[in-house]
Every structure is written in C-alpha cells, then in structure tokens.
Amino acid sequence: KSLITLGIILLPLFIYHAYKTIVRNQDWKNNYTLAANTLPNAPNNAAINAQYALELNKLIRSGVITNIDSAHALVVKHYKRAIEIYPDFYGPNNDLASHFIFKAQPDSAFPYLLEANRLEPDFWEHHYYLALIYYDRSKYAEAFTFFDKIIQNEKLRSDTTTYPELL
C-alpha cells in the first residue's frame, strides 16, 4: 500500500516536470536562445543577465548580428544589470571591461577593470589593461606597479611560451 500511495503522489509530479522539461527544451536551440528565453522569466537573476549579455556579445563578435549598435547597448545593459543585482559577481565585471576594451573605450572599461581586479587580484589580464590605461594617462607610478605585477605573476612565469611578449 505504501508503494502505491507513493506512486500516486509522485506520478503527477513526474508528469508535470516531464512536461516542463519538454517545453523548456524547445527554448534550447543554442545558448543564446536559452538565455534569451529565460530572461523574461527571471529578470532579477544576475546569472541570467550575465549569460544573456555574454551570448549576445559572442554573436556580435562572430558577425551573426548585423544591428551592432543596439546589440552593444543590450550587452552593456545586461552586464550592468547583473552587476547591480550582485556587485561582487566577477564574470560580468570582467566581461564588461573586456567588452569596452575591445570597443577601444578604455575609460569606460576602467572602473570595471578595477572591480574585476579587486575580485580576482591575481589575474594578469587586469594588470595588463590597467597598466596600459594608467600609462596612457601619464600615471607612470601606477602603471609600473601593474606592469610589475605582470612580471611577478607566477602563472606567466611558469608558462613562458603562451605569452612570451608580456614578460
């Protein structure tokens, strides 16, 4: 009797979740469609906002999206929304900084680089871009501090073949 009772209780739950899974799989043509279809249901989720921005940015870089200006605005909007929801979320800070660096907007990248560096202080890329920005601003002491962090970075020092030009 207890197995039958358990089956009666669990069967509707199983059917419901099977249905939800099948419906949800229709959204998953690729990572972008999954994130885009999830976002309306979870607009206050930092991870979904960040994932949507990341996937949209990939489509821009690959040339799939032609309306680049509005897509760039959406990338920035959703990275900023993810950071607003969860300020200590490393990924969106780093990705937004990279987005601005690749768009040749170092002044826009700067605060996100500083925050990404605070959250992951040993990651050499932050040091590299911060050093270049400080150098460009004629703040040589700060630039050399970050250049020195690159030189002292254990990961780069142990792998001299990947980025030999940095050292």
Protein backbone atom coordinates (compact mmCIF):
# COMPACT_ATOMS: atom_id res chain seq x y z
CA LYS A 1 0.00 0.00 0.00
CA SER A 2 2.80 2.43 0.80
CA LEU A 3 4.35 1.97 -2.68
CA ILE A 4 1.01 2.58 -4.35
CA THR A 5 0.48 5.69 -2.22
CA LEU A 6 3.97 6.90 -3.06
CA GLY A 7 3.31 6.25 -6.75
CA ILE A 8 0.05 8.17 -6.64
CA ILE A 9 1.83 11.11 -5.04
CA LEU A 10 4.90 11.05 -7.29
CA LEU A 11 3.25 10.32 -10.66
CA PRO A 12 1.63 13.77 -11.03
CA LEU A 13 4.90 15.42 -10.03
CA PHE A 14 6.79 13.31 -12.57
CA ILE A 15 4.30 14.11 -15.34
CA TYR A 16 4.39 17.84 -14.53
CA HIS A 17 8.19 18.01 -14.54
CA ALA A 18 8.47 15.89 -17.68
CA TYR A 19 6.09 18.30 -19.42
CA LYS A 20 8.09 21.34 -18.19
CA THR A 21 11.33 19.74 -19.42
CA ILE A 22 9.91 19.05 -22.88
CA VAL A 23 8.54 22.59 -23.17
CA ARG A 24 11.83 24.06 -21.91
CA ASN A 25 13.90 22.05 -24.40
CA GLN A 26 12.19 23.92 -27.23
CA ASP A 27 13.96 27.08 -26.00
CA TRP A 28 17.36 25.43 -26.24
CA LYS A 29 18.38 25.83 -29.86
CA ASN A 30 21.68 27.28 -28.63
CA ASN A 31 22.99 29.06 -25.54
CA TYR A 32 21.75 32.43 -26.77
CA THR A 33 18.15 31.29 -27.29
CA LEU A 34 18.18 29.57 -23.91
CA ALA A 35 19.37 32.74 -22.14
CA ALA A 36 17.05 34.99 -24.17
CA ASN A 37 14.02 32.84 -23.40
CA THR A 38 14.91 32.57 -19.72
CA LEU A 39 15.47 36.30 -19.18
CA PRO A 40 11.78 37.36 -19.24
CA ASN A 41 11.04 34.80 -16.52
CA ALA A 42 13.98 35.82 -14.33
CA PRO A 43 14.80 39.50 -14.98
CA ASN A 44 16.30 39.90 -11.49
CA ASN A 45 18.67 36.97 -11.81
CA ALA A 46 22.28 38.15 -12.10
CA ALA A 47 23.48 34.92 -13.72
CA ILE A 48 20.82 35.02 -16.45
CA ASN A 49 21.51 38.70 -17.22
CA ALA A 50 25.24 37.96 -17.43
CA GLN A 51 24.71 34.85 -19.58
CA TYR A 52 22.43 36.73 -21.97
CA ALA A 53 24.99 39.52 -22.35
CA LEU A 54 27.80 37.01 -22.86
CA GLU A 55 25.95 35.04 -25.54
CA LEU A 56 24.80 38.20 -27.31
CA ASN A 57 28.37 39.51 -27.27
CA LYS A 58 29.57 36.24 -28.85
CA LEU A 59 27.03 36.66 -31.66
CA ILE A 60 28.24 40.22 -32.25
CA ARG A 61 31.89 39.16 -32.42
CA SER A 62 31.12 36.28 -34.76
CA GLY A 63 29.26 38.58 -37.16
CA VAL A 64 25.89 36.86 -36.77
CA ILE A 65 24.20 40.06 -35.56
CA THR A 66 24.08 42.93 -38.01
CA ASN A 67 22.39 45.63 -35.90
CA ILE A 68 25.54 46.04 -33.84
CA ASP A 69 24.82 49.35 -32.08
CA SER A 70 21.58 48.21 -30.46
CA ALA A 71 23.12 44.83 -29.65
CA HIS A 72 26.10 46.53 -27.96
CA ALA A 73 23.66 48.62 -25.93
CA LEU A 74 21.88 45.42 -24.80
CA VAL A 75 25.19 43.79 -23.87
CA VAL A 76 26.13 46.74 -21.69
CA LYS A 77 22.64 46.98 -20.19
CA HIS A 78 22.53 43.34 -19.13
CA TYR A 79 26.09 43.21 -17.81
CA LYS A 80 25.34 46.33 -15.75
CA ARG A 81 22.08 44.78 -14.55
CA ALA A 82 23.93 41.65 -13.42
CA ILE A 83 26.44 43.81 -11.54
CA GLU A 84 23.63 45.86 -10.00
CA ILE A 85 21.94 42.70 -8.73
CA TYR A 86 25.17 41.13 -7.48
CA PRO A 87 28.05 43.66 -7.27
CA ASP A 88 30.68 41.05 -6.32
CA PHE A 89 29.94 38.93 -9.40
CA TYR A 90 33.35 38.65 -11.05
CA GLY A 91 32.23 37.47 -14.50
CA PRO A 92 30.13 40.47 -15.56
CA ASN A 93 32.72 42.95 -14.24
CA ASN A 94 35.47 41.23 -16.19
CA ASP A 95 33.36 40.68 -19.31
CA LEU A 96 32.08 44.25 -19.40
CA ALA A 97 35.64 45.56 -19.01
CA SER A 98 36.72 43.31 -21.90
CA HIS A 99 33.77 44.47 -23.97
CA PHE A 100 34.81 48.10 -23.55
CA ILE A 101 38.48 47.28 -24.20
CA PHE A 102 37.60 45.58 -27.50
CA LYS A 103 35.48 48.60 -28.43
CA ALA A 104 38.53 50.82 -27.74
CA GLN A 105 36.80 52.54 -24.81
CA PRO A 106 39.38 52.25 -22.02
CA ASP A 107 37.79 54.98 -19.91
CA SER A 108 34.53 53.01 -19.84
CA ALA A 109 36.44 49.81 -19.07
CA PHE A 110 38.48 51.31 -16.25
CA PRO A 111 36.02 51.07 -13.30
CA TYR A 112 35.08 47.50 -14.26
CA LEU A 113 38.75 46.56 -14.54
CA LEU A 114 39.36 47.94 -11.07
CA GLU A 115 36.45 45.96 -9.68
CA ALA A 116 37.44 42.78 -11.52
CA ASN A 117 40.97 43.23 -10.18
CA ARG A 118 39.60 43.60 -6.65
CA LEU A 119 37.60 40.40 -7.05
CA GLU A 120 40.40 38.39 -8.74
CA PRO A 121 43.64 40.16 -7.78
CA ASP A 122 45.98 37.57 -9.33
CA PHE A 123 44.57 37.60 -12.86
CA TRP A 124 47.26 39.11 -15.07
CA GLU A 125 44.95 40.49 -17.79
CA HIS A 126 43.54 43.08 -15.38
CA HIS A 127 47.07 44.16 -14.54
CA TYR A 128 47.92 44.46 -18.22
CA TYR A 129 44.99 46.68 -19.18
CA LEU A 130 45.17 48.76 -16.01
CA ALA A 131 48.88 49.32 -16.64
CA LEU A 132 48.18 50.48 -20.19
CA ILE A 133 45.39 52.82 -19.10
CA TYR A 134 47.49 54.33 -16.31
CA TYR A 135 50.43 54.69 -18.70
CA ASP A 136 48.22 56.39 -21.27
CA ARG A 137 47.02 58.78 -18.55
CA SER A 138 50.68 59.57 -17.68
CA LYS A 139 50.28 57.99 -14.25
CA TYR A 140 53.54 56.12 -14.54
CA ALA A 141 53.94 55.00 -10.93
CA GLU A 142 50.56 53.23 -11.04
CA ALA A 143 51.34 51.83 -14.50
CA PHE A 144 54.66 50.41 -13.37
CA THR A 145 53.01 48.86 -10.31
CA PHE A 146 50.70 46.89 -12.58
CA PHE A 147 53.45 46.09 -15.09
CA ASP A 148 55.48 44.73 -12.19
CA LYS A 149 52.54 42.51 -11.16
CA ILE A 150 52.61 41.03 -14.67
CA ILE A 151 56.33 40.33 -14.39
CA GLN A 152 55.88 38.74 -10.97
CA ASN A 153 52.84 36.66 -11.99
CA GLU A 154 53.65 33.02 -11.21
CA LYS A 155 51.36 31.62 -13.89
CA LEU A 156 53.01 33.69 -16.62
CA ARG A 157 56.48 32.96 -15.29
CA SER A 158 55.86 29.22 -15.30
CA ASP A 159 54.39 29.27 -18.82
CA THR A 160 56.76 31.40 -20.89
CA THR A 161 55.53 30.01 -24.23
CA THR A 162 51.91 31.22 -24.17
CA TYR A 163 52.57 34.97 -23.73
CA PRO A 164 56.33 35.45 -24.05
CA GLU A 165 55.92 39.06 -25.18
CA LEU A 166 54.39 40.04 -21.85
CA LEU A 167 57.39 39.02 -19.83
